[in-house]
Amino acid sequence: MKTTFTNSKASTGKYSDRYLASFLINLPAEHIDLGKWFTEMKETDYTSYSPAHIAMSSYFTGETLFSTNVENIGIDQIVQHYTMQYSF
């Protein structure tokens, strides 16, 4: 599989910088299931993607997914909460 990676740094303000990355994945789009990837992600996966990722958890109540993640952005730590309807 051929994979390419680019990384560029663009200033977004006083406290943080934004990094943009792109990858070429040699896989048809119909084989990529982002819903499955997101709903089945474990905390160990999430924290392995970036040293800024501190923790995450998610759970379902019926067809509603609740997710929380904690990460460092520059010198700040943020907690993000997501709620989404998900159909299986």
N, C-alpha and C. Protein backbone atom coordinates (compact mmCIF):
# COMPACT_ATOMS: atom_id res chain seq x y z
N MET A 1 0.84 -1.17 0.00
CA MET A 1 0.00 0.00 0.00
C MET A 1 0.89 1.24 0.00
N LYS A 2 0.59 2.18 -0.86
CA LYS A 2 1.34 3.43 -0.92
C LYS A 2 0.67 4.45 -0.02
N THR A 3 1.42 5.02 0.88
CA THR A 3 0.89 6.04 1.78
C THR A 3 1.79 7.26 1.71
N THR A 4 1.18 8.43 1.60
CA THR A 4 1.96 9.67 1.63
C THR A 4 1.51 10.49 2.81
N PHE A 5 2.40 11.30 3.32
CA PHE A 5 2.10 12.13 4.48
C PHE A 5 2.69 13.50 4.26
N THR A 6 1.89 14.51 4.50
CA THR A 6 2.39 15.88 4.47
C THR A 6 1.97 16.54 5.77
N ASN A 7 2.80 17.43 6.24
CA ASN A 7 2.52 18.12 7.49
C ASN A 7 2.90 19.58 7.30
N SER A 8 1.96 20.47 7.54
CA SER A 8 2.26 21.89 7.43
C SER A 8 1.73 22.60 8.66
N LYS A 9 2.37 23.67 9.03
CA LYS A 9 2.00 24.41 10.23
C LYS A 9 1.46 25.77 9.80
N ALA A 10 0.27 26.10 10.27
CA ALA A 10 -0.35 27.38 9.94
C ALA A 10 -0.75 28.06 11.25
N SER A 11 -0.35 29.28 11.45
CA SER A 11 -0.68 30.00 12.67
C SER A 11 -2.16 30.31 12.70
N THR A 12 -2.81 30.01 13.83
CA THR A 12 -4.25 30.27 13.96
C THR A 12 -4.55 31.25 15.09
N GLY A 13 -3.53 31.81 15.72
CA GLY A 13 -3.83 32.75 16.77
C GLY A 13 -2.74 32.82 17.81
N LYS A 14 -3.09 33.46 18.92
CA LYS A 14 -2.15 33.75 19.98
C LYS A 14 -1.67 32.52 20.74
N TYR A 15 -2.55 31.52 20.94
CA TYR A 15 -2.23 30.44 21.86
C TYR A 15 -1.90 29.09 21.23
N SER A 16 -2.26 28.87 19.99
CA SER A 16 -2.04 27.54 19.43
C SER A 16 -1.69 27.62 17.95
N ASP A 17 -1.14 26.53 17.46
CA ASP A 17 -0.89 26.38 16.03
C ASP A 17 -1.68 25.18 15.56
N ARG A 18 -2.11 25.23 14.32
CA ARG A 18 -2.88 24.14 13.75
C ARG A 18 -1.99 23.36 12.80
N TYR A 19 -2.00 22.08 12.92
CA TYR A 19 -1.25 21.21 12.03
C TYR A 19 -2.21 20.52 11.08
N LEU A 20 -1.90 20.57 9.83
CA LEU A 20 -2.70 19.91 8.81
C LEU A 20 -1.94 18.71 8.29
N ALA A 21 -2.59 17.59 8.20
CA ALA A 21 -1.95 16.39 7.70
C ALA A 21 -2.86 15.74 6.67
N SER A 22 -2.26 15.15 5.66
CA SER A 22 -3.05 14.40 4.69
C SER A 22 -2.34 13.10 4.37
N PHE A 23 -3.12 12.09 4.14
CA PHE A 23 -2.61 10.76 3.84
C PHE A 23 -3.29 10.25 2.58
N LEU A 24 -2.56 9.58 1.74
CA LEU A 24 -3.13 8.87 0.61
C LEU A 24 -3.31 7.43 1.05
N ILE A 25 -4.55 6.96 1.03
CA ILE A 25 -4.86 5.59 1.43
C ILE A 25 -5.27 4.82 0.20
N ASN A 26 -4.59 3.76 -0.08
CA ASN A 26 -4.87 2.95 -1.26
C ASN A 26 -6.00 1.97 -0.95
N LEU A 27 -7.22 2.52 -0.80
CA LEU A 27 -8.38 1.74 -0.44
C LEU A 27 -9.61 2.43 -1.00
N PRO A 28 -10.52 1.70 -1.62
CA PRO A 28 -11.74 2.33 -2.13
C PRO A 28 -12.56 2.95 -1.00
N ALA A 29 -13.18 4.08 -1.26
CA ALA A 29 -13.94 4.81 -0.24
C ALA A 29 -15.05 3.96 0.36
N GLU A 30 -15.65 3.06 -0.41
CA GLU A 30 -16.74 2.25 0.13
C GLU A 30 -16.26 1.24 1.19
N HIS A 31 -14.95 1.05 1.31
CA HIS A 31 -14.41 0.17 2.33
C HIS A 31 -14.05 0.91 3.62
N ILE A 32 -14.28 2.21 3.65
CA ILE A 32 -13.97 3.01 4.83
C ILE A 32 -15.28 3.32 5.55
N ASP A 33 -15.40 2.87 6.77
CA ASP A 33 -16.61 3.06 7.58
C ASP A 33 -16.26 3.93 8.77
N LEU A 34 -16.41 5.25 8.63
CA LEU A 34 -16.06 6.17 9.70
C LEU A 34 -16.96 6.00 10.92
N GLY A 35 -18.22 5.66 10.71
CA GLY A 35 -19.12 5.42 11.83
C GLY A 35 -18.65 4.27 12.69
N LYS A 36 -18.26 3.17 12.06
CA LYS A 36 -17.74 2.02 12.79
C LYS A 36 -16.43 2.38 13.50
N TRP A 37 -15.56 3.08 12.79
CA TRP A 37 -14.27 3.48 13.38
C TRP A 37 -14.50 4.33 14.63
N PHE A 38 -15.41 5.31 14.54
CA PHE A 38 -15.64 6.20 15.67
C PHE A 38 -16.32 5.48 16.83
N THR A 39 -17.33 4.68 16.54
CA THR A 39 -18.09 4.04 17.62
C THR A 39 -17.35 2.89 18.28
N GLU A 40 -16.37 2.30 17.60
CA GLU A 40 -15.63 1.18 18.18
C GLU A 40 -14.24 1.58 18.67
N MET A 41 -13.90 2.86 18.59
CA MET A 41 -12.57 3.31 19.03
C MET A 41 -12.42 3.13 20.54
N LYS A 42 -11.30 2.59 20.93
CA LYS A 42 -10.96 2.42 22.34
C LYS A 42 -10.07 3.57 22.80
N GLU A 43 -10.02 3.80 24.09
CA GLU A 43 -9.19 4.86 24.63
C GLU A 43 -7.72 4.67 24.25
N THR A 44 -7.25 3.44 24.24
CA THR A 44 -5.85 3.19 23.87
C THR A 44 -5.58 3.59 22.42
N ASP A 45 -6.57 3.40 21.53
CA ASP A 45 -6.42 3.85 20.15
C ASP A 45 -6.33 5.37 20.11
N TYR A 46 -7.28 6.04 20.76
CA TYR A 46 -7.34 7.50 20.74
C TYR A 46 -6.05 8.12 21.26
N THR A 47 -5.55 7.63 22.38
CA THR A 47 -4.35 8.23 22.96
C THR A 47 -3.10 7.92 22.14
N SER A 48 -3.14 6.87 21.32
CA SER A 48 -1.98 6.55 20.49
C SER A 48 -1.88 7.44 19.26
N TYR A 49 -2.95 8.14 18.87
CA TYR A 49 -2.95 8.96 17.67
C TYR A 49 -2.17 10.26 17.83
N SER A 50 -2.04 10.76 19.06
CA SER A 50 -1.35 12.03 19.28
C SER A 50 -0.95 12.12 20.75
N PRO A 51 0.23 12.69 21.03
CA PRO A 51 0.61 12.90 22.43
C PRO A 51 -0.30 13.92 23.13
N ALA A 52 -1.04 14.70 22.37
CA ALA A 52 -1.97 15.68 22.95
C ALA A 52 -3.27 15.03 23.41
N HIS A 53 -3.55 13.82 22.96
CA HIS A 53 -4.78 13.14 23.36
C HIS A 53 -4.58 12.50 24.74
N ILE A 54 -5.38 12.93 25.70
CA ILE A 54 -5.25 12.50 27.09
C ILE A 54 -6.17 11.32 27.40
N ALA A 55 -7.44 11.45 27.06
CA ALA A 55 -8.41 10.40 27.39
C ALA A 55 -9.66 10.56 26.54
N MET A 56 -10.43 9.48 26.43
CA MET A 56 -11.73 9.54 25.76
C MET A 56 -12.59 8.38 26.25
N SER A 57 -13.88 8.56 26.13
CA SER A 57 -14.80 7.47 26.41
C SER A 57 -16.08 7.72 25.62
N SER A 58 -16.82 6.67 25.37
CA SER A 58 -18.10 6.81 24.68
C SER A 58 -19.01 5.67 25.10
N TYR A 59 -20.31 5.91 24.98
CA TYR A 59 -21.29 4.87 25.29
C TYR A 59 -22.57 5.19 24.55
N PHE A 60 -23.38 4.15 24.36
CA PHE A 60 -24.67 4.27 23.70
C PHE A 60 -25.79 4.17 24.72
N THR A 61 -26.84 4.95 24.48
CA THR A 61 -28.12 4.77 25.14
C THR A 61 -29.13 4.70 24.01
N GLY A 62 -29.60 3.51 23.72
CA GLY A 62 -30.44 3.32 22.54
C GLY A 62 -29.62 3.60 21.29
N GLU A 63 -30.11 4.52 20.46
CA GLU A 63 -29.38 4.90 19.25
C GLU A 63 -28.63 6.21 19.41
N THR A 64 -28.46 6.68 20.64
CA THR A 64 -27.74 7.92 20.90
C THR A 64 -26.35 7.59 21.41
N LEU A 65 -25.35 8.15 20.76
CA LEU A 65 -23.96 7.96 21.17
C LEU A 65 -23.52 9.20 21.95
N PHE A 66 -22.96 8.98 23.12
CA PHE A 66 -22.38 10.03 23.93
C PHE A 66 -20.87 9.81 23.94
N SER A 67 -20.13 10.84 23.67
CA SER A 67 -18.67 10.71 23.63
C SER A 67 -18.03 11.94 24.27
N THR A 68 -16.94 11.70 24.97
CA THR A 68 -16.17 12.77 25.61
C THR A 68 -14.70 12.53 25.33
N ASN A 69 -13.98 13.59 24.99
CA ASN A 69 -12.54 13.44 24.84
C ASN A 69 -11.83 14.61 25.52
N VAL A 70 -10.62 14.33 26.01
CA VAL A 70 -9.79 15.32 26.70
C VAL A 70 -8.48 15.42 25.93
N GLU A 71 -8.07 16.63 25.61
CA GLU A 71 -6.81 16.80 24.90
C GLU A 71 -6.16 18.13 25.25
N ASN A 72 -4.87 18.19 25.02
CA ASN A 72 -4.12 19.43 25.21
C ASN A 72 -4.08 20.17 23.89
N ILE A 73 -4.40 21.46 23.94
CA ILE A 73 -4.30 22.34 22.78
C ILE A 73 -3.38 23.47 23.21
N GLY A 74 -2.13 23.44 22.74
CA GLY A 74 -1.16 24.43 23.17
C GLY A 74 -0.92 24.29 24.66
N ILE A 75 -1.16 25.34 25.41
CA ILE A 75 -0.97 25.30 26.87
C ILE A 75 -2.27 25.01 27.61
N ASP A 76 -3.37 24.84 26.87
CA ASP A 76 -4.68 24.62 27.48
C ASP A 76 -5.11 23.16 27.35
N GLN A 77 -5.93 22.73 28.28
CA GLN A 77 -6.53 21.41 28.21
C GLN A 77 -8.02 21.60 27.97
N ILE A 78 -8.56 20.89 26.98
CA ILE A 78 -9.98 21.03 26.68
C ILE A 78 -10.69 19.70 26.84
N VAL A 79 -11.97 19.80 27.18
CA VAL A 79 -12.84 18.63 27.27
C VAL A 79 -13.98 18.87 26.28
N GLN A 80 -14.16 17.92 25.37
CA GLN A 80 -15.21 18.05 24.35
C GLN A 80 -16.25 16.96 24.57
N HIS A 81 -17.52 17.34 24.49
CA HIS A 81 -18.63 16.40 24.66
C HIS A 81 -19.42 16.35 23.36
N TYR A 82 -19.72 15.16 22.89
CA TYR A 82 -20.48 14.96 21.65
C TYR A 82 -21.69 14.09 21.95
N THR A 83 -22.79 14.44 21.32
CA THR A 83 -23.99 13.60 21.35
C THR A 83 -24.47 13.49 19.93
N MET A 84 -24.68 12.25 19.46
CA MET A 84 -25.16 12.10 18.10
C MET A 84 -26.11 10.91 17.99
N GLN A 85 -27.07 11.06 17.09
CA GLN A 85 -27.98 9.96 16.78
C GLN A 85 -27.26 9.06 15.80
N TYR A 86 -27.35 7.76 16.03
CA TYR A 86 -26.66 6.80 15.19
C TYR A 86 -27.59 5.66 14.87
N SER A 87 -27.73 5.35 13.60
CA SER A 87 -28.57 4.22 13.17
C SER A 87 -27.70 3.06 12.78
N PHE A 88 -28.05 1.90 13.24
CA PHE A 88 -27.25 0.71 12.90
C PHE A 88 -27.79 0.04 11.67
